[in-house]
C-alpha atoms as a PDB file:
ATOM      1  CA  MET A   1     224.024  97.048 -80.993  1.00  0.00           C
ATOM      2  CA  VAL A   2     222.106 100.109 -79.069  1.00  0.00           C
ATOM      3  CA  ARG A   3     222.770  99.946 -75.355  1.00  0.00           C
ATOM      4  CA  GLU A   4     220.744 101.430 -72.513  1.00  0.00           C
ATOM      5  CA  ALA A   5     222.660 104.089 -70.387  1.00  0.00           C
ATOM      6  CA  SER A   6     223.998 102.029 -67.169  1.00  0.00           C
ATOM      7  CA  PRO A   7     222.253 102.301 -63.890  1.00  0.00           C
ATOM      8  CA  ILE A   8     225.291 104.709 -62.700  1.00  0.00           C
ATOM      9  CA  VAL A   9     224.897 106.967 -65.516  1.00  0.00           C
ATOM     10  CA  ARG A  10     221.133 107.109 -64.868  1.00  0.00           C
ATOM     11  CA  GLY A  11     221.727 107.634 -61.571  1.00  0.00           C
ATOM     12  CA  THR A  12     224.138 110.272 -61.476  1.00  0.00           C
ATOM     13  CA  SER A  13     221.819 112.193 -63.391  1.00  0.00           C
ATOM     14  CA  ASN A  14     219.134 111.814 -61.295  1.00  0.00           C
ATOM     15  CA  VAL A  15     221.160 112.774 -58.427  1.00  0.00           C
ATOM     16  CA  VAL A  16     222.909 116.124 -59.608  1.00  0.00           C
ATOM     17  CA  ARG A  17     219.839 117.916 -60.869  1.00  0.00           C
ATOM     18  CA  GLY A  18     219.653 121.042 -58.738  1.00  0.00           C
ATOM     19  CA  ALA A  19     222.490 120.102 -56.686  1.00  0.00           C
ATOM     20  CA  SER A  20     225.435 122.004 -55.629  1.00  0.00           C
ATOM     21  CA  PRO A  21     228.482 122.760 -58.296  1.00  0.00           C
ATOM     22  CA  VAL A  22     230.820 119.918 -55.983  1.00  0.00           C
ATOM     23  CA  VAL A  23     228.292 117.226 -56.854  1.00  0.00           C
ATOM     24  CA  ARG A  24     228.178 118.531 -60.214  1.00  0.00           C
ATOM     25  CA  GLY A  25     231.677 117.828 -61.047  1.00  0.00           C
ATOM     26  CA  ALA A  26     232.073 114.619 -59.727  1.00  0.00           C
ATOM     27  CA  SER A  27     229.156 113.617 -61.997  1.00  0.00           C
ATOM     28  CA  ARG A  28     231.254 115.106 -64.630  1.00  0.00           C
ATOM     29  CA  VAL A  29     234.137 113.278 -63.815  1.00  0.00           C
ATOM     30  CA  VAL A  30     232.312 110.010 -63.637  1.00  0.00           C
ATOM     31  CA  ARG A  31     230.719 110.550 -67.173  1.00  0.00           C
ATOM     32  CA  PHE A  32     234.307 111.017 -68.659  1.00  0.00           C
ATOM     33  CA  LEU A  33     235.515 107.993 -67.035  1.00  0.00           C
ATOM     34  CA  ILE A  34     232.297 106.042 -68.753  1.00  0.00           C
ATOM     35  CA  ALA A  35     232.619 107.955 -72.314  1.00  0.00           C
ATOM     36  CA  ASN A  36     236.071 106.321 -72.382  1.00  0.00           C
ATOM     37  CA  LEU A  37     234.757 103.191 -71.855  1.00  0.00           C
ATOM     38  CA  VAL A  38     236.352 102.486 -68.614  1.00  0.00           C
ATOM     39  CA  ILE A  39     234.525 102.768 -65.723  1.00  0.00           C
ATOM     40  CA  ARG A  40     235.892 101.859 -61.606  1.00  0.00           C
ATOM     41  CA  ASN A  41     234.648  99.996 -59.180  1.00  0.00           C
ATOM     42  CA  LEU A  42     232.827 102.522 -57.225  1.00  0.00           C
ATOM     43  CA  VAL A  43     232.696 102.499 -53.111  1.00  0.00           C
ATOM     44  CA  ILE A  44     230.645 104.807 -51.825  1.00  0.00           C
ATOM     45  CA  ALA A  45     231.691 106.963 -48.439  1.00  0.00           C
ATOM     46  CA  SER A  46     229.802 109.509 -46.840  1.00  0.00           C
ATOM     47  CA  LEU A  47     230.678 112.543 -45.754  1.00  0.00           C
ATOM     48  CA  GLY A  48     228.991 115.474 -44.112  1.00  0.00           C
ATOM     49  CA  ILE A  49     229.623 119.173 -45.012  1.00  0.00           C
ATOM     50  CA  GLY A  50     226.748 121.420 -43.273  1.00  0.00           C
ATOM     51  CA  ASN A  51     223.960 119.987 -43.656  1.00  0.00           C
ATOM     52  CA  LEU A  52     224.675 118.240 -46.892  1.00  0.00           C
ATOM     53  CA  GLY A  53     225.659 114.615 -47.823  1.00  0.00           C
ATOM     54  CA  ILE A  54     228.036 114.352 -50.031  1.00  0.00           C
ATOM     55  CA  ALA A  55     228.961 111.091 -51.988  1.00  0.00           C
ATOM     56  CA  VAL A  56     232.829 110.528 -52.520  1.00  0.00           C
ATOM     57  CA  LEU A  57     233.317 108.281 -54.935  1.00  0.00           C
ATOM     58  CA  HIS A  58     236.686 105.903 -54.234  1.00  0.00           C
ATOM     59  CA  ALA A  59     237.771 104.075 -57.114  1.00  0.00           C
ATOM     60  CA  GLN A  60     239.559 100.893 -57.738  1.00  0.00           C
ATOM     61  CA  ASP A  61     240.876  99.427 -61.136  1.00  0.00           C
ATOM     62  CA  VAL A  62     238.011  97.388 -62.671  1.00  0.00           C
ATOM     63  CA  VAL A  63     237.625  97.069 -66.161  1.00  0.00           C
ATOM     64  CA  VAL A  64     233.732  97.103 -67.177  1.00  0.00           C
ATOM     65  CA  ASP A  65     233.664  97.915 -70.776  1.00  0.00           C
ATOM     66  CA  ARG A  66     236.944  98.168 -73.160  1.00  0.00           C
ATOM     67  CA  MET A  67     237.240  98.343 -76.908  1.00  0.00           C
ATOM     68  CA  LEU A  68     238.301  95.215 -78.188  1.00  0.00           C
ATOM     69  CA  ALA A  69     238.720  95.795 -81.970  1.00  0.00           C
ATOM     70  CA  VAL A  70     238.309  99.052 -84.746  1.00  0.00           C
ATOM     71  CA  VAL A  71     236.511  97.845 -88.177  1.00  0.00           C
ATOM     72  CA  ASN A  72     236.966 100.581 -90.580  1.00  0.00           C
ATOM     73  CA  GLY A  73     236.539 102.883 -87.483  1.00  0.00           C
ATOM     74  CA  ASP A  74     233.293 100.836 -85.962  1.00  0.00           C
ATOM     75  CA  VAL A  75     234.177  99.711 -82.397  1.00  0.00           C
ATOM     76  CA  ILE A  76     233.544  96.560 -81.157  1.00  0.00           C
ATOM     77  CA  THR A  77     233.873  96.247 -77.518  1.00  0.00           C
ATOM     78  CA  LEU A  78     233.783  93.893 -74.717  1.00  0.00           C
ATOM     79  CA  SER A  79     229.946  94.714 -73.642  1.00  0.00           C
ATOM     80  CA  ASP A  80     229.297  93.236 -77.925  1.00  0.00           C
ATOM     81  CA  ALA A  81     231.144  90.235 -77.355  1.00  0.00           C
ATOM     82  CA  ARG A  82     229.748  89.475 -73.543  1.00  0.00           C
ATOM     83  CA  ALA A  83     225.952  90.109 -75.267  1.00  0.00           C
ATOM     84  CA  ALA A  84     226.657  88.163 -77.992  1.00  0.00           C
ATOM     85  CA  ARG A  85     227.804  85.385 -75.570  1.00  0.00           C
ATOM     86  CA  ARG A  86     225.589  85.480 -73.083  1.00  0.00           C
ATOM     87  CA  LEU A  87     222.510  85.682 -75.264  1.00  0.00           C
ATOM     88  CA  ARG A  88     224.211  83.047 -77.830  1.00  0.00           C
ATOM     89  CA  LEU A  89     223.861  85.391 -80.860  1.00  0.00           C
ATOM     90  CA  LEU A  90     226.479  83.468 -82.880  1.00  0.00           C
ATOM     91  CA  PRO A  91     226.334  79.899 -84.185  1.00  0.00           C
ATOM     92  CA  GLY A  92     228.548  77.798 -82.076  1.00  0.00           C
ATOM     93  CA  VAL A  93     229.351  80.853 -79.692  1.00  0.00           C
ATOM     94  CA  ALA A  94     228.905  78.651 -76.358  1.00  0.00           C
ATOM     95  CA  SER A  95     232.294  76.865 -77.160  1.00  0.00           C
ATOM     96  CA  MET A  96     234.288  79.454 -78.661  1.00  0.00           C
ATOM     97  CA  ASP A  97     237.416  81.106 -77.090  1.00  0.00           C
ATOM     98  CA  ASP A  98     237.306  84.730 -77.045  1.00  0.00           C
ATOM     99  CA  GLU A  99     239.090  85.557 -79.531  1.00  0.00           C
ATOM    100  CA  THR A 100     237.533  83.302 -81.842  1.00  0.00           C
ATOM    101  CA  LEU A 101     234.276  85.085 -80.639  1.00  0.00           C
ATOM    102  CA  VAL A 102     235.803  88.845 -81.415  1.00  0.00           C
ATOM    103  CA  GLY A 103     236.937  87.141 -85.076  1.00  0.00           C
ATOM    104  CA  GLN A 104     233.499  86.187 -85.583  1.00  0.00           C
ATOM    105  CA  LEU A 105     231.792  89.678 -84.532  1.00  0.00           C
ATOM    106  CA  ILE A 106     234.676  91.480 -87.139  1.00  0.00           C
ATOM    107  CA  GLU A 107     233.507  89.524 -89.623  1.00  0.00           C
ATOM    108  CA  ARG A 108     229.487  90.087 -89.035  1.00  0.00           C
ATOM    109  CA  ARG A 109     230.449  93.958 -89.010  1.00  0.00           C
ATOM    110  CA  LEU A 110     231.996  93.070 -92.522  1.00  0.00           C
ATOM    111  CA  VAL A 111     229.044  91.325 -94.086  1.00  0.00           C
ATOM    112  CA  LEU A 112     226.964  93.799 -92.566  1.00  0.00           C
ATOM    113  CA  ALA A 113     228.283  96.342 -94.346  1.00  0.00           C
ATOM    114  CA  GLU A 114     228.750  94.659 -97.859  1.00  0.00           C
ATOM    115  CA  VAL A 115     225.010  93.908 -97.156  1.00  0.00           C
ATOM    116  CA  ALA A 116     223.563  97.496 -96.545  1.00  0.00           C
ATOM    117  CA  ARG A 117     225.259  98.352 -99.985  1.00  0.00           C
ATOM    118  CA  TYR A 118     222.733  96.609-101.427  1.00  0.00           C
ATOM    119  CA  ALA A 119     219.794  97.245 -99.450  1.00  0.00           C
ATOM    120  CA  PRO A 120     217.585  93.923 -99.594  1.00  0.00           C
ATOM    121  CA  ALA A 121     214.483  93.602 -98.866  1.00  0.00           C
ATOM    122  CA  GLU A 122     213.145  93.760 -95.241  1.00  0.00           C
ATOM    123  CA  PRO A 123     212.363  90.323 -93.744  1.00  0.00           C
ATOM    124  CA  THR A 124     208.663  89.590 -93.505  1.00  0.00           C
ATOM    125  CA  ALA A 125     206.970  88.890 -90.283  1.00  0.00           C
ATOM    126  CA  GLU A 126     207.052  85.299 -90.763  1.00  0.00           C
ATOM    127  CA  GLN A 127     210.851  85.100 -91.461  1.00  0.00           C
ATOM    128  CA  MET A 128     211.529  87.572 -88.179  1.00  0.00           C
ATOM    129  CA  ALA A 129     209.561  85.101 -86.267  1.00  0.00           C
ATOM    130  CA  ALA A 130     211.389  82.071 -87.505  1.00  0.00           C
ATOM    131  CA  ARG A 131     214.471  83.633 -86.485  1.00  0.00           C
ATOM    132  CA  ARG A 132     213.446  84.161 -83.172  1.00  0.00           C
ATOM    133  CA  ARG A 133     212.199  81.012 -83.089  1.00  0.00           C
ATOM    134  CA  ALA A 134     215.559  79.793 -84.138  1.00  0.00           C
ATOM    135  CA  TRP A 135     217.588  81.780 -81.881  1.00  0.00           C
ATOM    136  CA  ALA A 136     215.468  80.892 -78.767  1.00  0.00           C
ATOM    137  CA  ALA A 137     215.724  77.260 -79.650  1.00  0.00           C
ATOM    138  CA  GLY A 138     219.607  77.694 -78.928  1.00  0.00           C
ATOM    139  CA  LEU A 139     219.308  79.000 -75.592  1.00  0.00           C
ATOM    140  CA  PRO A 140     219.817  76.733 -72.437  1.00  0.00           C
ATOM    141  CA  ALA A 141     216.662  75.146 -71.001  1.00  0.00           C
ATOM    142  CA  GLY A 142     214.009  77.680 -68.900  1.00  0.00           C
ATOM    143  CA  ALA A 143     216.580  80.813 -70.266  1.00  0.00           C
ATOM    144  CA  ASP A 144     214.762  83.785 -68.891  1.00  0.00           C
ATOM    145  CA  VAL A 145     215.261  86.270 -71.730  1.00  0.00           C
ATOM    146  CA  PRO A 146     214.147  89.552 -69.873  1.00  0.00           C
ATOM    147  CA  LYS A 147     216.982  88.727 -67.237  1.00  0.00           C
ATOM    148  CA  LEU A 148     219.723  87.929 -69.895  1.00  0.00           C
ATOM    149  CA  LEU A 149     218.535  91.211 -71.977  1.00  0.00           C
ATOM    150  CA  LEU A 150     219.104  93.015 -68.637  1.00  0.00           C
ATOM    151  CA  SER A 151     222.282  91.187 -67.555  1.00  0.00           C
ATOM    152  CA  VAL A 152     223.911  93.028 -70.764  1.00  0.00           C
ATOM    153  CA  GLY A 153     222.342  95.963 -71.332  1.00  0.00           C
ATOM    154  CA  MET A 154     220.190  95.512 -74.062  1.00  0.00           C
ATOM    155  CA  ARG A 155     216.583  96.416 -74.918  1.00  0.00           C
ATOM    156  CA  GLU A 156     214.390  94.038 -76.263  1.00  0.00           C
ATOM    157  CA  ALA A 157     214.561  96.370 -79.624  1.00  0.00           C
ATOM    158  CA  SER A 158     218.433  95.929 -79.877  1.00  0.00           C
ATOM    159  CA  LEU A 159     217.335  92.055 -79.840  1.00  0.00           C
ATOM    160  CA  THR A 160     215.281  92.458 -82.570  1.00  0.00           C
ATOM    161  CA  SER A 161     217.369  94.554 -84.815  1.00  0.00           C
ATOM    162  CA  TRP A 162     220.214  92.141 -83.993  1.00  0.00           C
ATOM    163  CA  LEU A 163     218.268  89.003 -85.372  1.00  0.00           C
ATOM    164  CA  ARG A 164     216.935  91.247 -88.208  1.00  0.00           C
ATOM    165  CA  ASP A 165     220.524  91.426 -89.457  1.00  0.00           C
ATOM    166  CA  ASP A 166     220.681  87.824 -89.390  1.00  0.00           C
ATOM    167  CA  GLN A 167     217.962  87.237 -91.513  1.00  0.00           C
ATOM    168  CA  ARG A 168     219.135  90.022 -94.120  1.00  0.00           C
ATOM    169  CA  ILE A 169     222.809  88.435 -94.062  1.00  0.00           C
ATOM    170  CA  ALA A 170     220.930  84.834 -94.582  1.00  0.00           C
ATOM    171  CA  SER A 171     219.001  86.373 -97.476  1.00  0.00           C
ATOM    172  CA  TYR A 172     221.870  88.347 -99.051  1.00  0.00           C
ATOM    173  CA  LEU A 173     224.125  85.038 -98.865  1.00  0.00           C
ATOM    174  CA  ASP A 174     221.026  82.889-100.308  1.00  0.00           C
ATOM    175  CA  GLN A 175     220.562  85.280-103.175  1.00  0.00           C
ATOM    176  CA  ARG A 176     224.811  85.596-103.935  1.00  0.00           C
ATOM    177  CA  PHE A 177     225.831  82.235-103.332  1.00  0.00           C
ATOM    178  CA  THR A 178     223.232  79.440-103.719  1.00  0.00           C
ATOM    179  CA  ALA A 179     222.290  79.525-107.015  1.00  0.00           C
ATOM    180  CA  ALA A 180     225.750  79.753-108.032  1.00  0.00           C
ATOM    181  CA  ALA A 181     227.189  76.812-105.899  1.00  0.00           C
ATOM    182  CA  GLN A 182     224.608  74.166-107.526  1.00  0.00           C
ATOM    183  CA  PRO A 183     226.996  71.573-109.165  1.00  0.00           C
ATOM    184  CA  THR A 184     226.934  70.207-112.654  1.00  0.00           C
ATOM    185  CA  ARG A 185     225.956  66.485-112.832  1.00  0.00           C
ATOM    186  CA  GLU A 186     229.474  65.895-113.757  1.00  0.00           C
ATOM    187  CA  GLN A 187     230.545  67.640-110.483  1.00  0.00           C
ATOM    188  CA  ALA A 188     227.975  65.634-108.401  1.00  0.00           C
ATOM    189  CA  LEU A 189     229.190  61.911-109.812  1.00  0.00           C
ATOM    190  CA  ALA A 190     232.731  63.160-109.535  1.00  0.00           C
ATOM    191  CA  TYR A 191     231.751  64.108-105.883  1.00  0.00           C
ATOM    192  CA  PHE A 192     230.174  61.019-105.337  1.00  0.00           C
ATOM    193  CA  ALA A 193     232.939  58.548-106.600  1.00  0.00           C
ATOM    194  CA  LEU A 194     235.093  60.653-103.915  1.00  0.00           C
ATOM    195  CA  HIS A 195     232.634  60.074-101.373  1.00  0.00           C
ATOM    196  CA  GLU A 196     230.709  56.219-102.008  1.00  0.00           C
ATOM    197  CA  ALA A 197     231.550  55.263 -98.367  1.00  0.00           C
ATOM    198  CA  ASP A 198     229.607  58.386 -96.831  1.00  0.00           C
ATOM    199  CA  PHE A 199     226.498  57.228 -98.641  1.00  0.00           C
ATOM    200  CA  ALA A 200     226.544  53.074 -98.110  1.00  0.00           C
ATOM    201  CA  VAL A 201     223.695  51.771 -96.144  1.00  0.00           C
ATOM    202  CA  GLY A 202     224.563  48.709 -94.120  1.00  0.00           C
ATOM    203  CA  GLY A 203     227.853  48.236 -96.331  1.00  0.00           C
ATOM    204  CA  VAL A 204     226.116  48.485 -99.568  1.00  0.00           C
ATOM    205  CA  ILE A 205     227.162  51.226-101.702  1.00  0.00           C
ATOM    206  CA  PRO A 206     223.763  52.591-103.464  1.00  0.00           C
ATOM    207  CA  GLN A 207     223.593  53.769-107.278  1.00  0.00           C
ATOM    208  CA  PHE A 208     224.327  57.215-108.457  1.00  0.00           C
ATOM    209  CA  SER A 209     220.935  57.792-109.322  1.00  0.00           C
ATOM    210  CA  THR A 210     219.076  56.505-106.327  1.00  0.00           C
ATOM    211  CA  VAL A 211     221.242  59.425-104.005  1.00  0.00           C
ATOM    212  CA  GLU A 212     221.785  61.867-106.728  1.00  0.00           C
ATOM    213  CA  ALA A 213     219.675  64.562-104.942  1.00  0.00           C
ATOM    214  CA  ASP A 214     221.465  64.319-101.421  1.00  0.00           C
ATOM    215  CA  VAL A 215     225.002  64.416-103.110  1.00  0.00           C
ATOM    216  CA  ARG A 216     223.897  67.680-104.911  1.00  0.00           C
ATOM    217  CA  ARG A 217     222.512  68.925-101.902  1.00  0.00           C
ATOM    218  CA  ARG A 218     226.172  68.254-100.107  1.00  0.00           C
ATOM    219  CA  VAL A 219     228.173  69.351-103.113  1.00  0.00           C
ATOM    220  CA  ALA A 220     226.047  72.409-103.072  1.00  0.00           C
ATOM    221  CA  ALA A 221     226.516  72.912 -99.413  1.00  0.00           C
ATOM    222  CA  ASP A 222     230.153  72.282 -99.719  1.00  0.00           C
ATOM    223  CA  ARG A 223     230.266  74.798-102.848  1.00  0.00           C
ATOM    224  CA  ARG A 224     228.610  77.436-100.692  1.00  0.00           C
ATOM    225  CA  ALA A 225     230.526  77.489 -98.050  1.00  0.00           C
ATOM    226  CA  THR A 226     233.888  77.752 -99.865  1.00  0.00           C
ATOM    227  CA  ARG A 227     232.718  80.804-101.725  1.00  0.00           C
ATOM    228  CA  ILE A 228     231.348  82.618 -98.826  1.00  0.00           C
ATOM    229  CA  ARG A 229     234.565  82.038 -96.631  1.00  0.00           C
ATOM    230  CA  GLU A 230     236.600  83.178 -99.490  1.00  0.00           C
ATOM    231  CA  TRP A 231     234.345  86.349-100.141  1.00  0.00           C
ATOM    232  CA  ILE A 232     234.909  86.972 -96.102  1.00  0.00           C
ATOM    233  CA  GLU A 233     238.283  86.860 -96.290  1.00  0.00           C
ATOM    234  CA  SER A 234     238.446  89.275 -99.386  1.00  0.00           C
ATOM    235  CA  LEU A 235     236.521  91.662 -97.318  1.00  0.00           C
ATOM    236  CA  LYS A 236     238.713  90.713 -94.319  1.00  0.00           C
ATOM    237  CA  GLN A 237     241.848  91.748 -96.643  1.00  0.00           C
ATOM    238  CA  ARG A 238     240.708  95.072 -98.218  1.00  0.00           C
ATOM    239  CA  ALA A 239     239.202  96.630 -94.735  1.00  0.00           C
ATOM    240  CA  GLU A 240     241.322  98.427 -91.552  1.00  0.00           C
ATOM    241  CA  ILE A 241     241.003  96.159 -89.085  1.00  0.00           C
ATOM    242  CA  ARG A 242     242.713  96.773 -85.512  1.00  0.00           C
ATOM    243  CA  ARG A 243     242.421  94.250 -82.772  1.00  0.00           C
ATOM    244  CA  ILE A 244     243.104  95.670 -79.221  1.00  0.00           C
ATOM    245  CA  GLN A 245     244.675  93.650 -76.976  1.00  0.00           C
END
């Protein structure tokens, strides 16, 4: 995820150009704090030294960003999790607790690394437009996208990049798992025998032949989801993952 420099960083850069060594030194301290992912709540007090008013920064401990996990050397931060939640970037994120959310971000990084190894075709404009509509449909009614992006420090280009990765993942999973998950007729019959009541209409269980297509879709979806879950678990077992409390 690409983040813009924070307003504090941009403001500091503008103020210190051509300023005294004292001010430039204060700027370096602020930059050091930001670079280490911890920034303080800054309270500005004005002190007069000669004819120059210098802003002295006093700090109170307020964590704005920090590392939550490291996945094969790739860092996941609090701001990543915040953006995913506020922008509804993950399915079901609105009801996830923090631990589950971080787990989903870890899995996404692992899957994207695997997708990158096979370099699937870039999404078409039509696919991207459909992905954008699907994402927007999951936002609260009346959501102001530019304001949401601003609230998490994300550019429109970064959102587009995230949605492009969504589509790349979807295409990869379809290519790898969908065909392999299709059941034989015997497997579909066995599933139907165990779940007859799920296909009943008005208490009447239909003939298999009349619902075979639906049965096959359900079996394929279950088998696909199981295979994807097993694959992701294998990725996690081979990866170096460290959660940071």
